[in-house]
Structures are given as structure tokens and as C-alpha cells.
C-alpha atoms as a PDB file:
ATOM      1  CA  MET A   1      43.957   9.672  -1.092  1.00  0.00           C
ATOM      2  CA  PHE A   2      42.455  11.432   1.899  1.00  0.00           C
ATOM      3  CA  ILE A   3      41.442  15.036   1.922  1.00  0.00           C
ATOM      4  CA  LYS A   4      43.340  16.957   4.558  1.00  0.00           C
ATOM      5  CA  ILE A   5      41.079  19.206   6.609  1.00  0.00           C
ATOM      6  CA  ARG A   6      42.289  21.163   9.531  1.00  0.00           C
ATOM      7  CA  ARG A   7      40.674  20.582  12.876  1.00  0.00           C
ATOM      8  CA  ASP A   8      39.098  24.035  13.240  1.00  0.00           C
ATOM      9  CA  THR A   9      37.595  23.806   9.702  1.00  0.00           C
ATOM     10  CA  LEU A  10      36.093  20.416  10.572  1.00  0.00           C
ATOM     11  CA  ILE A  11      34.550  21.800  13.773  1.00  0.00           C
ATOM     12  CA  ILE A  12      32.990  24.713  11.863  1.00  0.00           C
ATOM     13  CA  LEU A  13      31.558  22.333   9.240  1.00  0.00           C
ATOM     14  CA  ILE A  14      30.076  20.063  11.926  1.00  0.00           C
ATOM     15  CA  LEU A  15      28.514  23.015  13.767  1.00  0.00           C
ATOM     16  CA  ALA A  16      27.041  24.401  10.484  1.00  0.00           C
ATOM     17  CA  PHE A  17      25.582  20.966   9.717  1.00  0.00           C
ATOM     18  CA  MET A  18      24.062  20.699  13.253  1.00  0.00           C
ATOM     19  CA  LEU A  19      22.550  24.222  12.932  1.00  0.00           C
ATOM     20  CA  ILE A  20      20.970  23.425   9.563  1.00  0.00           C
ATOM     21  CA  VAL A  21      19.546  20.113  10.757  1.00  0.00           C
ATOM     22  CA  SER A  22      18.227  21.505  14.009  1.00  0.00           C
ATOM     23  CA  GLY A  23      16.679  24.528  12.178  1.00  0.00           C
ATOM     24  CA  ARG A  24      14.865  22.191   9.777  1.00  0.00           C
ATOM     25  CA  LEU A  25      13.723  20.015  12.625  1.00  0.00           C
ATOM     26  CA  MET A  26      12.409  22.979  14.607  1.00  0.00           C
ATOM     27  CA  SER A  27      10.556  24.450  11.633  1.00  0.00           C
ATOM     28  CA  TYR A  28       8.972  21.045  10.898  1.00  0.00           C
ATOM     29  CA  MET A  29       7.898  20.568  14.524  1.00  0.00           C
ATOM     30  CA  SER A  30       6.412  23.979  14.712  1.00  0.00           C
ATOM     31  CA  TYR A  31       4.433  23.382  11.491  1.00  0.00           C
ATOM     32  CA  ALA A  32       3.333  19.919  12.547  1.00  0.00           C
ATOM     33  CA  SER A  33       2.140  20.956  15.973  1.00  0.00           C
ATOM     34  CA  SER A  34      -0.040  23.792  14.677  1.00  0.00           C
ATOM     35  CA  THR A  35      -3.309  22.126  13.668  1.00  0.00           C
ATOM     36  CA  GLU A  36      -5.504  25.180  13.886  1.00  0.00           C
ATOM     37  CA  THR A  37      -5.473  28.329  11.783  1.00  0.00           C
ATOM     38  CA  ASP A  38      -7.039  31.659  12.606  1.00  0.00           C
ATOM     39  CA  GLN A  39     -10.271  30.555  10.991  1.00  0.00           C
ATOM     40  CA  GLY A  40     -10.592  26.985  12.248  1.00  0.00           C
ATOM     41  CA  VAL A  41      -9.284  23.447  11.552  1.00  0.00           C
ATOM     42  CA  PRO A  42      -8.135  23.104   7.913  1.00  0.00           C
ATOM     43  CA  ILE A  43      -9.002  20.010   5.822  1.00  0.00           C
ATOM     44  CA  SER A  44      -5.676  18.276   5.853  1.00  0.00           C
ATOM     45  CA  GLY A  45      -6.257  14.986   4.094  1.00  0.00           C
ATOM     46  CA  ILE A  46      -8.615  12.367   2.775  1.00  0.00           C
ATOM     47  CA  ILE A  47      -8.382   8.656   3.614  1.00  0.00           C
ATOM     48  CA  ILE A  48     -10.450   6.283   1.453  1.00  0.00           C
ATOM     49  CA  LYS A  49     -11.116   2.718   2.594  1.00  0.00           C
ATOM     50  CA  GLY A  50     -12.936  -0.134   0.836  1.00  0.00           C
ATOM     51  CA  ASN A  51     -12.581   0.899  -2.770  1.00  0.00           C
ATOM     52  CA  ASP A  52     -11.383  -1.837  -5.154  1.00  0.00           C
ATOM     53  CA  ILE A  53     -13.099  -0.833  -8.393  1.00  0.00           C
ATOM     54  CA  VAL A  54     -13.409   2.939  -8.407  1.00  0.00           C
ATOM     55  CA  PRO A  55     -10.041   4.755  -8.375  1.00  0.00           C
ATOM     56  CA  THR A  56      -9.101   6.792  -5.349  1.00  0.00           C
ATOM     57  CA  GLU A  57      -8.511   9.901  -7.478  1.00  0.00           C
ATOM     58  CA  THR A  58     -12.152   9.807  -8.689  1.00  0.00           C
ATOM     59  CA  ILE A  59     -13.476   9.749  -5.124  1.00  0.00           C
ATOM     60  CA  LYS A  60     -11.045  12.491  -3.986  1.00  0.00           C
ATOM     61  CA  GLY A  61     -12.140  14.647  -6.942  1.00  0.00           C
ATOM     62  CA  ILE A  62     -15.801  14.247  -6.036  1.00  0.00           C
ATOM     63  CA  LEU A  63     -15.076  15.166  -2.405  1.00  0.00           C
ATOM     64  CA  ALA A  64     -13.123  18.202  -3.570  1.00  0.00           C
ATOM     65  CA  ASN A  65     -16.140  19.314  -5.618  1.00  0.00           C
ATOM     66  CA  GLU A  66     -18.249  19.019  -2.472  1.00  0.00           C
ATOM     67  CA  GLY A  67     -15.944  21.293  -0.524  1.00  0.00           C
ATOM     68  CA  PHE A  68     -13.510  18.874   1.195  1.00  0.00           C
ATOM     69  CA  ARG A  69     -10.341  20.220  -0.447  1.00  0.00           C
ATOM     70  CA  THR A  70      -7.134  22.065   0.425  1.00  0.00           C
ATOM     71  CA  GLY A  71      -7.960  25.581   1.511  1.00  0.00           C
ATOM     72  CA  SER A  72     -11.269  24.647   3.150  1.00  0.00           C
ATOM     73  CA  TYR A  73     -11.578  24.617   6.942  1.00  0.00           C
ATOM     74  CA  ILE A  74     -14.021  23.652   9.635  1.00  0.00           C
ATOM     75  CA  GLN A  75     -15.203  26.447  11.876  1.00  0.00           C
ATOM     76  CA  GLY A  76     -17.464  25.033  14.567  1.00  0.00           C
ATOM     77  CA  ASP A  77     -20.296  23.238  12.716  1.00  0.00           C
ATOM     78  CA  THR A  78     -19.650  24.936   9.433  1.00  0.00           C
ATOM     79  CA  LEU A  79     -17.470  23.966   6.453  1.00  0.00           C
ATOM     80  CA  VAL A  80     -15.986  27.111   4.973  1.00  0.00           C
ATOM     81  CA  THR A  81     -14.678  26.945   1.381  1.00  0.00           C
ATOM     82  CA  SER A  82     -13.332  29.599  -0.883  1.00  0.00           C
ATOM     83  CA  LYS A  83     -16.787  30.153  -2.429  1.00  0.00           C
ATOM     84  CA  ARG A  84     -19.340  29.478   0.318  1.00  0.00           C
ATOM     85  CA  LYS A  85     -20.181  28.394   3.816  1.00  0.00           C
ATOM     86  CA  ILE A  86     -22.060  25.100   4.250  1.00  0.00           C
ATOM     87  CA  PRO A  87     -23.349  23.446   7.395  1.00  0.00           C
ATOM     88  CA  LEU A  88     -20.982  20.524   8.135  1.00  0.00           C
ATOM     89  CA  GLU A  89     -23.742  17.908   8.319  1.00  0.00           C
ATOM     90  CA  GLY A  90     -25.234  19.069   5.015  1.00  0.00           C
ATOM     91  CA  ALA A  91     -21.815  18.904   3.340  1.00  0.00           C
ATOM     92  CA  ILE A  92     -21.285  15.385   4.685  1.00  0.00           C
ATOM     93  CA  ASN A  93     -24.721  14.252   3.386  1.00  0.00           C
ATOM     94  CA  ASN A  94     -24.080  15.862  -0.027  1.00  0.00           C
ATOM     95  CA  ALA A  95     -20.684  14.163  -0.212  1.00  0.00           C
ATOM     96  CA  LYS A  96     -22.212  10.760   0.666  1.00  0.00           C
ATOM     97  CA  ILE A  97     -24.745  11.079  -2.175  1.00  0.00           C
ATOM     98  CA  ALA A  98     -22.103  12.365  -4.677  1.00  0.00           C
ATOM     99  CA  VAL A  99     -19.728   9.458  -3.853  1.00  0.00           C
ATOM    100  CA  THR A 100     -22.413   6.889  -4.601  1.00  0.00           C
ATOM    101  CA  TYR A 101     -22.779   8.478  -8.099  1.00  0.00           C
ATOM    102  CA  SER A 102     -19.123   7.830  -8.957  1.00  0.00           C
ATOM    103  CA  THR A 103     -18.640   5.532 -11.931  1.00  0.00           C
ATOM    104  CA  ILE A 104     -15.921   3.198 -13.129  1.00  0.00           C
ATOM    105  CA  PRO A 105     -13.877   5.288 -15.569  1.00  0.00           C
ATOM    106  CA  GLY A 106     -15.037   4.801 -19.131  1.00  0.00           C
ATOM    107  CA  THR A 107     -18.374   3.229 -18.208  1.00  0.00           C
ATOM    108  CA  GLN A 108     -21.797   4.148 -16.903  1.00  0.00           C
ATOM    109  CA  VAL A 109     -21.701   1.604 -14.001  1.00  0.00           C
ATOM    110  CA  TYR A 110     -22.189   2.849 -10.453  1.00  0.00           C
ATOM    111  CA  PRO A 111     -20.564   0.211  -8.221  1.00  0.00           C
ATOM    112  CA  ILE A 112     -20.642   2.159  -4.945  1.00  0.00           C
ATOM    113  CA  VAL A 113     -23.773   1.260  -2.956  1.00  0.00           C
ATOM    114  CA  ALA A 114     -23.051   3.216   0.221  1.00  0.00           C
ATOM    115  CA  ALA A 115     -20.482   5.624   1.683  1.00  0.00           C
ATOM    116  CA  ASP A 116     -19.778   6.609   5.237  1.00  0.00           C
ATOM    117  CA  ILE A 117     -17.883   9.892   5.815  1.00  0.00           C
ATOM    118  CA  LYS A 118     -16.311  10.879   9.091  1.00  0.00           C
ATOM    119  CA  ILE A 119     -14.340  13.987   9.867  1.00  0.00           C
ATOM    120  CA  ASP A 120     -11.840  14.344  12.765  1.00  0.00           C
ATOM    121  CA  ARG A 121     -12.495  17.873  13.929  1.00  0.00           C
ATOM    122  CA  THR A 122      -9.134  18.178  15.678  1.00  0.00           C
ATOM    123  CA  THR A 123      -6.865  17.150  12.750  1.00  0.00           C
ATOM    124  CA  GLY A 124      -9.091  17.875   9.728  1.00  0.00           C
ATOM    125  CA  ILE A 125      -8.702  14.379   8.275  1.00  0.00           C
ATOM    126  CA  VAL A 126     -11.697  13.134   6.215  1.00  0.00           C
ATOM    127  CA  THR A 127     -12.193   9.326   6.313  1.00  0.00           C
ATOM    128  CA  VAL A 128     -14.454   7.767   3.686  1.00  0.00           C
ATOM    129  CA  ASN A 129     -15.601   4.129   3.986  1.00  0.00           C
ATOM    130  CA  VAL A 130     -16.957   2.857   0.654  1.00  0.00           C
ATOM    131  CA  VAL A 131     -19.157  -0.197   0.110  1.00  0.00           C
ATOM    132  CA  GLU A 132     -18.929  -1.491  -3.463  1.00  0.00           C
ATOM    133  CA  ASP A 133     -21.263  -3.997  -5.214  1.00  0.00           C
ATOM    134  CA  PHE A 134     -19.100  -6.316  -7.315  1.00  0.00           C
ATOM    135  CA  SER A 135     -22.074  -7.755  -9.104  1.00  0.00           C
ATOM    136  CA  ALA A 136     -22.704  -4.364 -10.699  1.00  0.00           C
ATOM    137  CA  ALA A 137     -19.228  -4.360 -12.174  1.00  0.00           C
ATOM    138  CA  ALA A 138     -19.180  -8.015 -13.202  1.00  0.00           C
ATOM    139  CA  GLY A 139     -20.448  -7.358 -16.752  1.00  0.00           C
ATOM    140  CA  VAL A 140     -18.114  -4.465 -17.492  1.00  0.00           C
ATOM    141  CA  LYS A 141     -15.493  -5.024 -20.133  1.00  0.00           C
END
């Protein structure tokens, strides 16, 4: 029933397992602790709050079109994308306007009345607070 393993083989297997686990842990910790690249702070994620009608993917797509996507980074007061450099405040204002023009999929209804965008300059996380008008979406079928 039981598999017979010699004691020295078991010790070697346990040591190999511990080396693999500790190596993975060290590589994860070194990656997680490095928030800054050579260029600046990379855009690491988007958090969207307050949306009930418009899908999250739609808002993330609009933000990606405005420059807040993977591969972009913040260098001082500038958002650097693969195609251009934009002042960070201008990029935030453009993104606020673009998010308010997002529609419910399959309709021409604009339920988002206002958007507030904040960027954590140390972690690169973009937080979007959305205010939706439910009366605009009431007549949609």
C-alpha cells in the first residue's frame, strides 16, 4: 500500500521542494517591491467605482484609449505612452470627458453624468469614481 522511500531520498525531495518554493517567493517579492521602472511609475491597474449600468470593460477601454494602459508610465507630471507624451492633468481631464461619453452597449444612452479620476503616483493605480443617472437609462429596453 505505502510507497517505500529511503530516508536520504526523502530528505533530497524535501530540500528540492523548499528551494523551489523559496525561489518562487523571492522572485515574487522582488517583483512586487519594485514599483518604479527606469522611466517612471508604470500604470499598474484601474479601479472603477460606482458603475451599475455601464460595463467595467467599456470604461477600461475608454481609459486605455486616453493613455492609461499597460506600458504607459508617469514621469513627473507627464503621462508617457507608446505614441506620445501628455501632461498628466490634461490626460486626466480628457479621460473625464471621454468617460462621460460612454454608452450602454447597444444603445445611444449616456448614463454617466460625472467622473472623478485619481492617480496614485507611487503605485500607478488609476481610480475612477463614476456618477450615473438612472433616469437616463430608465427608458432603455
